[in-house]
N, C-alpha and C. Protein backbone atom coordinates (compact mmCIF):
# COMPACT_ATOMS: atom_id res chain seq x y z
N MET A 1 29.09 -22.61 0.04
CA MET A 1 28.23 -20.87 0.18
C MET A 1 28.05 -20.89 -1.45
N ASN A 2 26.99 -19.64 -1.77
CA ASN A 2 26.86 -19.33 -3.34
C ASN A 2 27.31 -17.94 -3.29
N THR A 3 28.25 -17.62 -3.83
CA THR A 3 29.00 -16.36 -3.96
C THR A 3 28.35 -15.54 -5.03
N ALA A 4 27.63 -16.08 -5.80
CA ALA A 4 26.93 -15.18 -7.18
C ALA A 4 26.64 -13.91 -6.73
N THR A 5 26.67 -12.98 -7.63
CA THR A 5 25.92 -11.58 -7.20
C THR A 5 24.82 -11.48 -8.03
N ALA A 6 23.99 -10.50 -7.73
CA ALA A 6 22.48 -10.64 -8.34
C ALA A 6 22.65 -10.12 -9.26
N THR A 7 23.57 -9.43 -9.87
CA THR A 7 23.42 -9.24 -11.36
C THR A 7 23.79 -10.62 -12.18
N GLU A 8 24.60 -11.75 -11.66
CA GLU A 8 24.63 -12.57 -12.17
C GLU A 8 23.59 -13.84 -12.15
N VAL A 9 22.71 -13.57 -11.31
CA VAL A 9 21.67 -14.37 -10.97
C VAL A 9 20.48 -13.92 -12.03
N LEU A 10 20.72 -12.82 -11.39
CA LEU A 10 18.81 -12.04 -11.78
C LEU A 10 19.46 -11.36 -13.96
N GLY A 11 20.81 -11.31 -13.84
CA GLY A 11 20.66 -10.49 -15.48
C GLY A 11 20.82 -8.81 -15.40
N GLU A 12 21.00 -8.07 -16.49
CA GLU A 12 21.11 -6.91 -16.02
C GLU A 12 19.56 -6.07 -15.62
N PRO A 13 19.72 -5.11 -14.77
CA PRO A 13 18.80 -4.52 -14.54
C PRO A 13 18.10 -4.36 -15.67
N LEU A 14 16.83 -3.99 -15.49
CA LEU A 14 15.75 -3.35 -16.83
C LEU A 14 15.43 -1.92 -16.69
N GLU A 15 15.64 -1.35 -17.62
CA GLU A 15 15.31 0.26 -17.92
C GLU A 15 13.86 -0.09 -17.72
N MET A 16 13.42 0.98 -16.84
CA MET A 16 12.09 1.28 -17.30
C MET A 16 11.33 2.34 -17.59
N ALA A 17 10.44 2.21 -18.24
CA ALA A 17 9.82 2.99 -19.53
C ALA A 17 9.02 3.92 -18.55
N ALA A 18 9.57 5.56 -19.25
CA ALA A 18 8.42 6.61 -18.42
C ALA A 18 6.76 6.40 -18.16
N PHE A 19 6.20 6.98 -17.29
CA PHE A 19 4.92 6.62 -17.08
C PHE A 19 4.32 7.63 -17.77
N SER A 20 3.17 6.87 -18.76
CA SER A 20 2.28 8.08 -19.54
C SER A 20 1.18 7.75 -19.06
N PRO A 21 0.18 8.86 -19.05
CA PRO A 21 -1.41 9.13 -18.86
C PRO A 21 -1.64 7.75 -19.75
N VAL A 22 -2.63 7.39 -18.98
CA VAL A 22 -3.71 6.05 -19.70
C VAL A 22 -4.98 5.97 -19.37
N ALA A 23 -5.98 5.81 -20.27
CA ALA A 23 -7.23 5.51 -19.98
C ALA A 23 -7.42 4.25 -20.66
N TYR A 24 -8.19 3.36 -20.00
CA TYR A 24 -8.33 1.66 -20.37
C TYR A 24 -9.81 1.51 -19.70
N PHE A 25 -10.70 0.48 -20.93
CA PHE A 25 -11.76 -0.47 -20.58
C PHE A 25 -11.69 -1.08 -19.61
N ASP A 26 -11.59 -1.82 -18.30
CA ASP A 26 -11.74 -3.12 -17.79
C ASP A 26 -13.26 -3.78 -17.68
N LYS A 27 -13.39 -4.24 -18.89
CA LYS A 27 -14.44 -5.41 -19.24
C LYS A 27 -14.86 -5.76 -18.22
N HIS A 28 -13.70 -6.64 -17.58
CA HIS A 28 -14.13 -7.67 -16.18
C HIS A 28 -14.55 -7.49 -15.05
N MET A 29 -14.24 -5.78 -14.91
CA MET A 29 -14.72 -4.71 -13.35
C MET A 29 -16.00 -3.87 -13.97
N ASP A 30 -16.20 -4.03 -15.92
CA ASP A 30 -17.00 -2.87 -16.16
C ASP A 30 -17.07 -1.50 -15.97
N CYS A 31 -15.18 -1.12 -15.82
CA CYS A 31 -15.34 0.48 -15.77
C CYS A 31 -14.28 0.89 -16.59
N ILE A 32 -14.47 1.85 -16.74
CA ILE A 32 -13.14 2.96 -17.17
C ILE A 32 -12.22 3.61 -16.12
N ARG A 33 -11.42 3.24 -16.62
CA ARG A 33 -9.96 4.01 -15.64
C ARG A 33 -8.87 4.83 -16.51
N VAL A 34 -9.16 5.87 -15.68
CA VAL A 34 -8.22 7.29 -16.17
C VAL A 34 -6.89 7.35 -15.31
N ILE A 35 -5.73 7.40 -15.62
CA ILE A 35 -4.76 7.46 -15.03
C ILE A 35 -3.99 8.43 -14.59
N VAL A 36 -3.33 9.67 -14.73
CA VAL A 36 -2.85 10.63 -15.50
C VAL A 36 -1.20 10.44 -14.65
N ARG A 37 -1.13 10.08 -13.29
CA ARG A 37 0.05 10.45 -12.75
C ARG A 37 0.27 9.05 -12.00
N ASP A 38 1.69 8.72 -11.97
CA ASP A 38 2.28 6.97 -11.76
C ASP A 38 2.55 7.06 -9.84
N CYS A 39 1.54 7.53 -8.91
CA CYS A 39 1.62 7.60 -7.54
C CYS A 39 0.64 6.80 -6.80
N SER A 40 1.33 6.78 -5.16
CA SER A 40 0.16 6.31 -4.30
C SER A 40 -1.13 7.00 -4.15
N VAL A 41 -2.74 6.33 -4.22
CA VAL A 41 -3.46 6.78 -4.30
C VAL A 41 -4.51 6.49 -3.35
N THR A 42 -5.65 7.69 -3.01
CA THR A 42 -6.60 6.87 -1.85
C THR A 42 -7.88 7.10 -3.12
N GLU A 43 -8.70 6.53 -3.11
CA GLU A 43 -10.15 6.45 -4.05
C GLU A 43 -11.10 7.05 -2.89
N HIS A 44 -11.87 8.15 -3.61
CA HIS A 44 -12.42 8.07 -2.63
C HIS A 44 -14.08 8.19 -3.91
N ARG A 45 -15.36 7.18 -3.32
CA ARG A 45 -16.34 7.14 -4.53
C ARG A 45 -17.46 8.28 -4.02
N ILE A 46 -17.70 9.02 -5.34
CA ILE A 46 -18.31 10.31 -4.89
C ILE A 46 -19.74 10.10 -5.47
N ASP A 47 -20.27 9.09 -6.36
CA ASP A 47 -21.40 8.60 -6.61
C ASP A 47 -21.13 7.18 -6.63
N GLU A 48 -22.92 6.60 -7.42
CA GLU A 48 -22.59 4.99 -7.98
C GLU A 48 -22.04 5.02 -9.46
N MET A 49 -21.57 6.34 -9.52
CA MET A 49 -21.01 6.01 -11.01
C MET A 49 -19.38 6.40 -11.41
N PHE A 50 -19.02 7.49 -10.30
CA PHE A 50 -17.64 7.99 -10.26
C PHE A 50 -17.01 7.64 -8.67
N THR A 51 -15.55 7.50 -9.00
CA THR A 51 -14.73 7.74 -8.10
C THR A 51 -13.30 8.10 -8.56
N LEU A 52 -12.98 9.46 -7.58
CA LEU A 52 -12.06 9.84 -8.03
C LEU A 52 -10.93 8.93 -7.13
N MET A 53 -9.44 9.29 -7.87
CA MET A 53 -8.00 8.84 -7.56
C MET A 53 -7.48 10.38 -6.98
N GLU A 54 -6.72 10.03 -5.38
CA GLU A 54 -6.46 11.77 -4.73
C GLU A 54 -5.03 10.83 -4.83
N ASP A 55 -4.19 11.87 -4.70
CA ASP A 55 -2.45 11.76 -4.81
C ASP A 55 -2.49 11.68 -3.28
N ASN A 56 -2.03 10.23 -2.61
CA ASN A 56 -1.26 10.83 -1.31
C ASN A 56 -0.24 11.32 -0.79
N HIS A 57 0.73 12.09 -1.66
CA HIS A 57 1.42 12.55 -1.20
C HIS A 57 1.47 14.04 -2.53
N PRO A 58 0.25 14.75 -2.41
CA PRO A 58 0.71 15.62 -3.25
C PRO A 58 1.85 16.26 -3.01
N ASN A 59 2.35 17.00 -4.10
CA ASN A 59 3.77 18.50 -3.59
C ASN A 59 2.98 19.75 -3.98
N ARG A 60 2.99 20.72 -3.62
CA ARG A 60 2.28 22.09 -3.66
C ARG A 60 2.27 22.44 -5.21
N PHE A 61 2.84 22.15 -5.61
CA PHE A 61 2.81 22.45 -7.57
C PHE A 61 2.14 21.74 -8.21
N GLY A 62 1.93 19.99 -7.29
CA GLY A 62 1.09 19.12 -8.50
C GLY A 62 -0.72 19.32 -8.02
N HIS A 63 -1.14 18.52 -8.71
CA HIS A 63 -2.77 18.19 -9.10
C HIS A 63 -3.13 17.54 -7.48
N ARG A 64 -4.49 17.74 -6.95
CA ARG A 64 -4.27 16.82 -5.95
C ARG A 64 -5.13 15.45 -6.62
N TYR A 65 -6.00 15.76 -7.66
CA TYR A 65 -6.63 14.42 -8.21
C TYR A 65 -5.64 14.03 -9.21
N VAL A 66 -5.40 12.72 -9.36
CA VAL A 66 -4.82 11.97 -10.62
C VAL A 66 -5.40 10.96 -11.48
N GLY A 67 -6.84 11.28 -10.99
CA GLY A 67 -7.24 10.04 -12.08
C GLY A 67 -8.83 9.75 -11.68
N PHE A 68 -9.10 9.06 -12.16
CA PHE A 68 -10.79 8.77 -11.73
C PHE A 68 -11.43 7.30 -12.36
N THR A 69 -12.38 6.61 -12.01
CA THR A 69 -13.17 5.67 -12.71
C THR A 69 -14.74 5.61 -12.69
N ILE A 70 -14.63 5.31 -14.06
CA ILE A 70 -16.38 5.66 -14.33
C ILE A 70 -17.00 4.08 -14.39
N LYS A 71 -18.10 3.77 -13.74
CA LYS A 71 -18.12 2.52 -13.50
C LYS A 71 -19.44 2.18 -14.06
N GLY A 72 -19.42 0.77 -13.62
CA GLY A 72 -21.41 0.27 -14.45
C GLY A 72 -21.21 0.88 -15.88
N VAL A 73 -20.16 0.83 -16.58
CA VAL A 73 -19.97 1.44 -17.85
C VAL A 73 -20.71 1.14 -19.21
N ARG A 74 -21.07 -0.58 -19.22
CA ARG A 74 -22.10 -1.11 -20.20
C ARG A 74 -23.51 -0.26 -19.92
N HIS A 75 -23.90 -0.13 -18.68
CA HIS A 75 -25.50 0.25 -18.50
C HIS A 75 -25.31 1.66 -18.64
N LEU A 76 -24.16 2.51 -18.57
CA LEU A 76 -24.17 4.20 -18.94
C LEU A 76 -24.00 4.07 -20.31
N PHE A 77 -23.23 3.11 -21.23
CA PHE A 77 -23.16 3.25 -22.73
C PHE A 77 -24.90 3.17 -23.28
N ASP A 78 -25.32 1.95 -22.27
CA ASP A 78 -26.85 1.93 -22.85
C ASP A 78 -28.05 3.28 -22.70
N GLU A 79 -27.79 3.26 -21.53
CA GLU A 79 -28.26 4.75 -21.63
C GLU A 79 -28.11 6.21 -22.14
N LEU A 80 -26.88 6.07 -22.52
CA LEU A 80 -26.76 7.19 -23.30
C LEU A 80 -26.50 7.03 -24.92
N ASP A 81 -26.90 5.71 -25.17
CA ASP A 81 -27.18 5.08 -26.42
C ASP A 81 -26.19 5.23 -27.40
N LEU A 82 -24.86 5.19 -26.69
CA LEU A 82 -23.40 5.04 -27.60
C LEU A 82 -23.28 3.10 -27.60
N PRO A 83 -22.45 3.09 -28.93
CA PRO A 83 -21.64 1.50 -29.26
C PRO A 83 -20.83 1.58 -27.97
N LEU A 84 -20.47 0.18 -27.64
CA LEU A 84 -19.34 -0.32 -26.97
C LEU A 84 -18.39 -0.46 -27.57
N GLY A 85 -18.27 -0.41 -29.15
CA GLY A 85 -17.02 -1.23 -30.08
C GLY A 85 -16.46 -0.28 -30.67
N ARG A 86 -16.30 1.08 -30.23
CA ARG A 86 -15.08 2.14 -30.75
C ARG A 86 -14.24 2.59 -29.81
N VAL A 87 -13.56 3.62 -30.43
CA VAL A 87 -12.81 4.40 -29.54
C VAL A 87 -13.46 5.82 -28.87
N TYR A 88 -13.47 6.38 -27.69
CA TYR A 88 -14.10 7.62 -27.65
C TYR A 88 -12.78 8.35 -27.29
N LYS A 89 -12.73 9.52 -26.79
CA LYS A 89 -12.12 10.63 -25.55
C LYS A 89 -12.68 10.74 -24.51
N ILE A 90 -12.08 10.51 -23.58
CA ILE A 90 -12.77 10.84 -21.91
C ILE A 90 -13.60 11.86 -22.09
N ALA A 91 -12.99 13.45 -23.02
CA ALA A 91 -13.68 14.55 -22.73
C ALA A 91 -15.15 14.13 -22.99
N ASP A 92 -15.24 13.32 -24.40
CA ASP A 92 -16.58 13.20 -24.70
C ASP A 92 -17.45 12.62 -24.22
N ILE A 93 -16.84 11.96 -23.62
CA ILE A 93 -17.66 10.78 -22.77
C ILE A 93 -18.26 11.17 -21.44
N LEU A 94 -17.78 12.31 -20.83
CA LEU A 94 -18.05 12.93 -19.73
C LEU A 94 -18.89 13.85 -20.03
N HIS A 95 -18.87 14.69 -21.28
CA HIS A 95 -19.75 15.25 -21.54
C HIS A 95 -21.05 14.61 -21.89
N GLU A 96 -21.10 14.02 -22.53
CA GLU A 96 -22.50 12.59 -22.78
C GLU A 96 -23.52 12.58 -21.13
N ILE A 97 -21.92 12.10 -20.61
CA ILE A 97 -22.57 12.26 -19.30
C ILE A 97 -23.54 13.59 -18.80
N VAL A 98 -22.49 14.98 -18.53
CA VAL A 98 -22.98 15.87 -17.92
C VAL A 98 -24.26 16.71 -18.99
N LYS A 99 -24.47 16.39 -20.03
CA LYS A 99 -25.76 16.95 -20.84
C LYS A 99 -27.24 15.94 -20.82
N LYS A 100 -26.76 14.66 -20.54
CA LYS A 100 -27.50 13.73 -20.22
C LYS A 100 -28.44 13.86 -18.59
N TRP A 101 -27.43 14.25 -17.77
CA TRP A 101 -27.57 14.19 -16.21
C TRP A 101 -27.04 15.29 -15.75
N PRO A 102 -27.47 17.08 -16.34
CA PRO A 102 -26.60 18.04 -16.09
C PRO A 102 -26.80 18.23 -14.44
N THR A 103 -27.51 17.55 -13.36
CA THR A 103 -27.33 18.10 -12.07
C THR A 103 -26.53 16.71 -11.14
N SER A 104 -26.35 16.21 -12.08
CA SER A 104 -25.64 14.99 -11.47
C SER A 104 -24.05 15.20 -10.61
N THR A 105 -23.67 14.59 -9.69
CA THR A 105 -22.67 14.56 -9.22
C THR A 105 -21.03 15.03 -9.94
N ILE A 106 -21.32 14.36 -11.37
CA ILE A 106 -20.04 14.39 -12.22
C ILE A 106 -20.40 15.88 -12.94
N ALA A 107 -21.55 16.29 -13.26
CA ALA A 107 -21.32 17.66 -13.78
C ALA A 107 -21.09 18.22 -12.73
N ILE A 108 -21.18 18.61 -11.39
CA ILE A 108 -20.09 19.66 -10.25
C ILE A 108 -18.67 19.21 -10.79
N VAL A 109 -18.50 17.76 -10.88
CA VAL A 109 -16.73 17.90 -10.28
C VAL A 109 -16.11 17.88 -11.33
N SER A 110 -17.11 17.68 -13.04
CA SER A 110 -16.04 17.38 -14.34
C SER A 110 -14.88 18.41 -14.05
N ASP A 111 -15.08 19.69 -13.85
CA ASP A 111 -14.12 20.63 -14.34
C ASP A 111 -12.87 19.99 -12.78
N VAL A 112 -13.62 19.72 -11.78
CA VAL A 112 -12.19 19.45 -11.11
C VAL A 112 -11.50 18.26 -11.58
N ILE A 113 -12.34 17.34 -12.04
CA ILE A 113 -11.36 15.96 -12.64
C ILE A 113 -10.83 16.89 -14.13
N LEU A 114 -10.92 17.45 -14.94
CA LEU A 114 -10.30 18.10 -16.09
C LEU A 114 -9.47 18.88 -15.64
N ASP A 115 -9.83 19.98 -14.97
CA ASP A 115 -8.68 20.41 -14.57
C ASP A 115 -7.58 20.08 -13.67
N SER A 116 -7.69 19.65 -12.65
CA SER A 116 -6.75 18.78 -12.12
C SER A 116 -6.37 17.47 -12.78
N ALA A 117 -6.46 17.07 -13.52
CA ALA A 117 -5.90 15.87 -14.95
C ALA A 117 -5.62 16.23 -16.00
N ASP A 118 -5.47 17.87 -16.53
CA ASP A 118 -5.71 17.81 -17.39
C ASP A 118 -4.85 17.15 -19.02
N GLU A 119 -4.24 16.04 -18.51
CA GLU A 119 -4.16 15.31 -19.13
C GLU A 119 -4.77 14.09 -20.15
N SER A 120 -6.11 14.35 -19.17
CA SER A 120 -7.24 13.52 -19.41
C SER A 120 -7.70 13.65 -20.63
N SER A 121 -8.10 14.86 -21.04
CA SER A 121 -9.09 15.28 -21.82
C SER A 121 -8.82 14.61 -23.13
N ASP A 122 -7.78 14.55 -23.37
CA ASP A 122 -7.06 14.03 -24.88
C ASP A 122 -7.03 12.54 -24.98
N LEU A 123 -6.95 12.12 -23.94
CA LEU A 123 -7.12 10.36 -23.86
C LEU A 123 -8.39 9.87 -24.56
N ALA A 124 -7.94 8.68 -24.96
CA ALA A 124 -9.03 7.77 -25.86
C ALA A 124 -9.09 6.67 -24.87
N VAL A 125 -10.34 5.94 -25.19
CA VAL A 125 -10.22 4.92 -24.45
C VAL A 125 -11.50 3.75 -25.46
N ASP A 126 -10.61 2.54 -25.73
CA ASP A 126 -10.94 1.76 -26.77
C ASP A 126 -11.96 0.53 -26.25
N MET A 127 -13.29 0.97 -26.66
CA MET A 127 -14.38 0.43 -26.01
C MET A 127 -14.62 -1.08 -26.46
N ALA A 128 -13.35 -1.37 -27.39
CA ALA A 128 -14.04 -2.69 -28.22
C ALA A 128 -12.72 -3.54 -27.70
N ALA A 129 -11.92 -3.31 -26.35
CA ALA A 129 -10.80 -4.08 -26.31
C ALA A 129 -11.18 -5.08 -25.06
């Protein structure tokens, strides 16, 4: 009969670091992901380029949307004449998209994205990663 405790077998529990908002370029999926809160989400595809992440269990003081994904980034950056090998602020990327396509879905929902996920506007993404 084994009488070892979980601590004896696994060692001391690890401390979890606090969540921090993040933006990153997923080169394999060719997308930029922005996540500003660690929670369970439902993804809503709003057009061929954007997917919004909605908190599955928002509290009445929390924001409904907690992130988004920009898809087809290589093609998008080519259309915007932006080089891939540098760091961009998320707000600057969204601004370039709205400037190029002012009637696009993102132009309509960009305020929702940035207001609901206000931490995302200062996030930067390294496109060389």
